[in-house]
């Protein structure tokens, strides 16, 4: 596994812990189908969260949230429809979040949780 892949996995682990600490139940991580992948699907009360996680070692390439383009958001929405078709859920409000995980200069980890990002 490459360093960037390990850091991405680390970012997803941090994001999952963050969501759990906020009271969300992680339903699945890294759900894949032919059209792509959803990083995290979680439930928090009446909310069904489809989460994109972006991990950054610094700010040289911008924030993780800036990396989620309109095209990427549209793909995640299509994937969410497919996931829901394959995994029927009790009625819920669907929300799309972006969790940006970054490592600060002193090694501290920061999570920016953009709720209802798109």
Protein backbone atom coordinates (compact mmCIF):
# COMPACT_ATOMS: atom_id res chain seq x y z
CA UNK A 1 0.00 0.00 0.00
CA UNK A 2 1.38 3.41 -0.99
CA UNK A 3 1.89 6.21 1.52
CA UNK A 4 -1.00 8.21 0.01
CA UNK A 5 -3.30 5.19 0.33
CA UNK A 6 -2.28 4.67 3.96
CA UNK A 7 -2.90 8.35 4.72
CA UNK A 8 -6.30 8.13 2.99
CA UNK A 9 -7.18 5.11 5.14
CA UNK A 10 -6.02 7.01 8.22
CA UNK A 11 -8.28 9.93 7.22
CA UNK A 12 -11.27 7.61 6.85
CA UNK A 13 -10.55 6.06 10.27
CA UNK A 14 -10.43 9.53 11.85
CA UNK A 15 -13.64 10.57 10.07
CA UNK A 16 -15.45 7.41 11.21
CA UNK A 17 -14.40 8.03 14.83
CA UNK A 18 -15.54 11.65 14.53
CA UNK A 19 -18.96 10.60 13.25
CA UNK A 20 -19.30 7.96 15.97
CA UNK A 21 -18.38 10.51 18.64
CA UNK A 22 -21.22 12.69 17.31
CA UNK A 23 -23.65 9.82 17.81
CA UNK A 24 -23.75 8.42 14.28
CA UNK A 25 -23.85 4.69 13.64
CA UNK A 26 -21.49 3.69 10.84
CA UNK A 27 -23.46 1.41 8.51
CA UNK A 28 -20.72 0.76 5.97
CA UNK A 29 -17.32 2.03 4.94
CA UNK A 30 -15.89 2.00 1.43
CA UNK A 31 -19.03 0.70 -0.27
CA UNK A 32 -18.18 -0.01 -3.89
CA UNK A 33 -20.04 -0.74 -7.06
CA UNK A 34 -19.13 -0.50 -10.71
CA UNK A 35 -19.80 3.26 -10.79
CA UNK A 36 -17.62 4.21 -7.83
CA UNK A 37 -17.31 4.28 -4.06
CA UNK A 38 -18.97 5.92 -1.08
CA UNK A 39 -16.48 6.42 1.75
CA UNK A 40 -18.91 6.24 4.69
CA UNK A 41 -22.64 5.65 5.05
CA UNK A 42 -23.94 6.38 8.54
CA UNK A 43 -27.20 6.88 10.39
CA UNK A 44 -27.73 9.54 13.02
CA UNK A 45 -31.27 9.50 14.31
CA UNK A 46 -33.54 10.39 11.38
CA UNK A 47 -30.56 11.32 9.19
CA UNK A 48 -28.92 9.02 6.68
CA UNK A 49 -25.45 10.40 5.97
CA UNK A 50 -23.48 9.79 2.79
CA UNK A 51 -19.98 11.03 3.54
CA UNK A 52 -17.02 11.84 1.33
CA UNK A 53 -13.71 11.90 3.20
CA UNK A 54 -10.74 13.90 1.96
CA UNK A 55 -7.44 13.59 3.80
CA UNK A 56 -4.71 16.19 3.37
CA UNK A 57 -1.19 16.20 4.82
CA UNK A 58 -1.13 20.00 4.44
CA UNK A 59 -2.92 22.88 2.80
CA UNK A 60 -0.71 23.13 -0.29
CA UNK A 61 -3.46 21.69 -2.49
CA UNK A 62 -6.36 23.41 -0.76
CA UNK A 63 -8.84 21.97 1.67
CA UNK A 64 -10.38 18.57 1.21
CA UNK A 65 -13.81 20.11 0.74
CA UNK A 66 -12.49 22.12 -2.21
CA UNK A 67 -11.59 18.85 -3.92
CA UNK A 68 -15.26 17.80 -4.09
CA UNK A 69 -16.30 19.22 -7.44
CA UNK A 70 -19.82 19.38 -8.83
CA UNK A 71 -19.03 16.31 -10.90
CA UNK A 72 -17.88 14.38 -7.82
CA UNK A 73 -20.98 15.48 -5.87
CA UNK A 74 -23.24 14.30 -8.72
CA UNK A 75 -21.50 10.91 -8.71
CA UNK A 76 -21.96 10.54 -4.95
CA UNK A 77 -25.67 11.37 -5.30
CA UNK A 78 -26.03 8.68 -8.01
CA UNK A 79 -24.17 6.19 -5.84
CA UNK A 80 -26.42 7.03 -2.88
CA UNK A 81 -29.52 6.24 -4.98
CA UNK A 82 -27.98 2.91 -5.93
CA UNK A 83 -26.98 2.15 -2.32
CA UNK A 84 -30.51 2.91 -1.13
CA UNK A 85 -31.98 0.63 -3.81
CA UNK A 86 -29.75 -2.22 -2.61
CA UNK A 87 -30.09 -1.47 1.14
CA UNK A 88 -33.66 -0.41 1.99
CA UNK A 89 -33.72 1.76 5.11
CA UNK A 90 -36.42 3.07 7.42
CA UNK A 91 -37.56 6.53 6.32
CA UNK A 92 -34.82 9.07 6.79
CA UNK A 93 -33.65 12.48 5.71
CA UNK A 94 -30.67 12.05 3.39
CA UNK A 95 -27.72 14.36 3.86
CA UNK A 96 -24.42 14.57 2.00
CA UNK A 97 -21.42 15.55 4.11
CA UNK A 98 -17.74 16.14 3.42
CA UNK A 99 -15.22 15.42 6.15
CA UNK A 100 -11.86 17.04 5.55
CA UNK A 101 -9.10 15.50 7.66
CA UNK A 102 -5.79 17.33 7.82
CA UNK A 103 -2.59 17.00 9.73
CA UNK A 104 -1.37 20.24 11.28
CA UNK A 105 2.32 21.19 11.44
CA UNK A 106 2.78 19.92 15.00
CA UNK A 107 1.18 16.60 14.07
CA UNK A 108 -2.25 17.39 15.47
CA UNK A 109 -5.16 16.08 13.42
CA UNK A 110 -8.02 18.37 12.46
CA UNK A 111 -11.46 17.37 11.18
CA UNK A 112 -13.60 19.89 9.35
CA UNK A 113 -17.11 18.46 9.00
CA UNK A 114 -19.14 20.19 6.32
CA UNK A 115 -22.73 19.10 6.92
CA UNK A 116 -25.11 19.22 3.97
CA UNK A 117 -22.22 20.01 1.62
CA UNK A 118 -24.27 19.38 -1.51
